[in-house]
């Protein structure tokens, strides 16, 4: 069995899935208290780094994904599959798990 080296450049999502780079979580509270790793909230904002070709319709045509590479998005808290490449964290999401595009 051959070993596979995973990098962002060779990840291509299938169907209506998108690959999102997770934004850093808050290190401090508004009052200035430092948070330990166990108390940090899971981030819900990230930047899209790869987009799949889109979902297949019943007639075989493709429905394009509404987001593009570079968009900052807000997604559901417990959605997707968490992936760590090097020191960076990513999430592989279905398009339906994206709640909004953040400008």
C-alpha atoms as a PDB file:
ATOM      1  CA  UNK A   1       0.000   0.000   0.000  1.00  0.00           C
ATOM      2  CA  UNK A   2       1.432   3.402  -0.978  1.00  0.00           C
ATOM      3  CA  UNK A   3       1.668   6.237   1.512  1.00  0.00           C
ATOM      4  CA  UNK A   4      -0.193   9.448   0.638  1.00  0.00           C
ATOM      5  CA  UNK A   5       1.125  12.865   1.627  1.00  0.00           C
ATOM      6  CA  UNK A   6      -1.765  15.205   2.305  1.00  0.00           C
ATOM      7  CA  UNK A   7      -1.477  18.895   1.458  1.00  0.00           C
ATOM      8  CA  UNK A   8      -3.994  21.616   0.718  1.00  0.00           C
ATOM      9  CA  UNK A   9      -2.903  21.762  -2.915  1.00  0.00           C
ATOM     10  CA  UNK A  10      -3.896  18.154  -3.629  1.00  0.00           C
ATOM     11  CA  UNK A  11      -7.292  18.114  -1.832  1.00  0.00           C
ATOM     12  CA  UNK A  12     -10.226  18.360  -4.271  1.00  0.00           C
ATOM     13  CA  UNK A  13     -13.671  18.138  -2.648  1.00  0.00           C
ATOM     14  CA  UNK A  14     -16.314  16.032  -4.385  1.00  0.00           C
ATOM     15  CA  UNK A  15     -19.915  17.000  -5.137  1.00  0.00           C
ATOM     16  CA  UNK A  16     -21.201  20.005  -3.198  1.00  0.00           C
ATOM     17  CA  UNK A  17     -18.451  19.906  -0.563  1.00  0.00           C
ATOM     18  CA  UNK A  18     -16.058  22.743   0.284  1.00  0.00           C
ATOM     19  CA  UNK A  19     -12.689  22.745   2.082  1.00  0.00           C
ATOM     20  CA  UNK A  20     -12.479  25.540   4.677  1.00  0.00           C
ATOM     21  CA  UNK A  21      -9.446  26.886   6.555  1.00  0.00           C
ATOM     22  CA  UNK A  22     -10.598  27.478  10.127  1.00  0.00           C
ATOM     23  CA  UNK A  23     -10.026  30.950  11.625  1.00  0.00           C
ATOM     24  CA  UNK A  24      -8.086  31.103  14.874  1.00  0.00           C
ATOM     25  CA  UNK A  25     -10.152  30.860  18.042  1.00  0.00           C
ATOM     26  CA  UNK A  26     -10.096  33.549  20.698  1.00  0.00           C
ATOM     27  CA  UNK A  27      -7.176  33.363  23.145  1.00  0.00           C
ATOM     28  CA  UNK A  28      -8.717  35.783  25.690  1.00  0.00           C
ATOM     29  CA  UNK A  29     -12.155  36.765  26.902  1.00  0.00           C
ATOM     30  CA  UNK A  30     -13.430  40.333  26.532  1.00  0.00           C
ATOM     31  CA  UNK A  31     -12.312  40.931  30.135  1.00  0.00           C
ATOM     32  CA  UNK A  32      -8.738  39.857  29.370  1.00  0.00           C
ATOM     33  CA  UNK A  33      -8.783  36.379  30.939  1.00  0.00           C
ATOM     34  CA  UNK A  34      -6.597  33.862  29.078  1.00  0.00           C
ATOM     35  CA  UNK A  35      -8.495  30.747  28.014  1.00  0.00           C
ATOM     36  CA  UNK A  36      -6.968  27.257  28.255  1.00  0.00           C
ATOM     37  CA  UNK A  37      -7.302  24.997  25.184  1.00  0.00           C
ATOM     38  CA  UNK A  38     -10.069  22.974  26.822  1.00  0.00           C
ATOM     39  CA  UNK A  39     -12.279  26.045  27.366  1.00  0.00           C
ATOM     40  CA  UNK A  40     -12.008  27.522  23.868  1.00  0.00           C
ATOM     41  CA  UNK A  41     -15.089  27.500  21.659  1.00  0.00           C
ATOM     42  CA  UNK A  42     -14.884  25.698  18.326  1.00  0.00           C
ATOM     43  CA  UNK A  43     -14.615  28.420  15.660  1.00  0.00           C
ATOM     44  CA  UNK A  44     -17.480  28.772  13.185  1.00  0.00           C
ATOM     45  CA  UNK A  45     -15.823  31.123  10.686  1.00  0.00           C
ATOM     46  CA  UNK A  46     -13.329  30.204   8.004  1.00  0.00           C
ATOM     47  CA  UNK A  47     -12.040  30.884   4.504  1.00  0.00           C
ATOM     48  CA  UNK A  48     -12.815  28.590   1.586  1.00  0.00           C
ATOM     49  CA  UNK A  49      -9.669  27.128   0.012  1.00  0.00           C
ATOM     50  CA  UNK A  50     -11.231  24.542  -2.358  1.00  0.00           C
ATOM     51  CA  UNK A  51     -14.686  23.939  -3.848  1.00  0.00           C
ATOM     52  CA  UNK A  52     -16.195  20.813  -5.396  1.00  0.00           C
ATOM     53  CA  UNK A  53     -17.842  20.794  -8.839  1.00  0.00           C
ATOM     54  CA  UNK A  54     -21.375  20.888  -7.425  1.00  0.00           C
ATOM     55  CA  UNK A  55     -24.268  18.579  -6.676  1.00  0.00           C
ATOM     56  CA  UNK A  56     -25.761  16.403  -9.425  1.00  0.00           C
ATOM     57  CA  UNK A  57     -29.406  17.041 -10.233  1.00  0.00           C
ATOM     58  CA  UNK A  58     -31.862  14.259 -11.128  1.00  0.00           C
ATOM     59  CA  UNK A  59     -31.326  14.907 -14.847  1.00  0.00           C
ATOM     60  CA  UNK A  60     -27.530  14.497 -14.507  1.00  0.00           C
ATOM     61  CA  UNK A  61     -26.618  18.174 -14.777  1.00  0.00           C
ATOM     62  CA  UNK A  62     -24.587  19.912 -12.073  1.00  0.00           C
ATOM     63  CA  UNK A  63     -25.864  22.601  -9.737  1.00  0.00           C
ATOM     64  CA  UNK A  64     -22.945  24.929  -9.021  1.00  0.00           C
ATOM     65  CA  UNK A  65     -21.910  25.730  -5.473  1.00  0.00           C
ATOM     66  CA  UNK A  66     -22.952  29.245  -4.322  1.00  0.00           C
ATOM     67  CA  UNK A  67     -19.574  30.055  -2.723  1.00  0.00           C
ATOM     68  CA  UNK A  68     -16.123  30.531  -4.238  1.00  0.00           C
ATOM     69  CA  UNK A  69     -12.496  30.183  -3.187  1.00  0.00           C
ATOM     70  CA  UNK A  70     -11.509  33.082  -0.934  1.00  0.00           C
ATOM     71  CA  UNK A  71     -14.989  33.658   0.555  1.00  0.00           C
ATOM     72  CA  UNK A  72     -15.190  33.936   4.339  1.00  0.00           C
ATOM     73  CA  UNK A  73     -18.092  31.840   5.594  1.00  0.00           C
ATOM     74  CA  UNK A  74     -20.019  31.158   8.779  1.00  0.00           C
ATOM     75  CA  UNK A  75     -20.841  27.463   9.198  1.00  0.00           C
ATOM     76  CA  UNK A  76     -22.725  25.216  11.628  1.00  0.00           C
ATOM     77  CA  UNK A  77     -20.911  24.531  14.887  1.00  0.00           C
ATOM     78  CA  UNK A  78     -20.641  20.739  14.711  1.00  0.00           C
ATOM     79  CA  UNK A  79     -20.753  20.310  10.927  1.00  0.00           C
ATOM     80  CA  UNK A  80     -18.183  18.704   8.683  1.00  0.00           C
ATOM     81  CA  UNK A  81     -15.035  16.685   9.204  1.00  0.00           C
ATOM     82  CA  UNK A  82     -12.086  18.262  11.013  1.00  0.00           C
ATOM     83  CA  UNK A  83      -8.736  17.805   9.249  1.00  0.00           C
ATOM     84  CA  UNK A  84      -5.323  18.960  10.465  1.00  0.00           C
ATOM     85  CA  UNK A  85      -2.565  19.493   7.891  1.00  0.00           C
ATOM     86  CA  UNK A  86       0.708  20.592   9.475  1.00  0.00           C
ATOM     87  CA  UNK A  87      -0.196  23.195  12.082  1.00  0.00           C
ATOM     88  CA  UNK A  88      -3.284  24.441  10.191  1.00  0.00           C
ATOM     89  CA  UNK A  89      -6.842  23.270  10.877  1.00  0.00           C
ATOM     90  CA  UNK A  90      -9.393  22.706   8.118  1.00  0.00           C
ATOM     91  CA  UNK A  91     -12.993  21.517   7.873  1.00  0.00           C
ATOM     92  CA  UNK A  92     -14.527  19.592   4.972  1.00  0.00           C
ATOM     93  CA  UNK A  93     -18.163  20.745   4.781  1.00  0.00           C
ATOM     94  CA  UNK A  94     -21.211  20.101   2.674  1.00  0.00           C
ATOM     95  CA  UNK A  95     -22.643  23.276   1.114  1.00  0.00           C
ATOM     96  CA  UNK A  96     -25.842  22.900   3.170  1.00  0.00           C
ATOM     97  CA  UNK A  97     -23.795  23.376   6.378  1.00  0.00           C
ATOM     98  CA  UNK A  98     -22.714  26.891   5.316  1.00  0.00           C
ATOM     99  CA  UNK A  99     -24.989  29.444   6.947  1.00  0.00           C
ATOM    100  CA  UNK A 100     -23.718  32.742   5.480  1.00  0.00           C
ATOM    101  CA  UNK A 101     -20.957  34.483   3.571  1.00  0.00           C
ATOM    102  CA  UNK A 102     -19.216  37.073   5.756  1.00  0.00           C
ATOM    103  CA  UNK A 103     -18.057  40.301   4.108  1.00  0.00           C
END
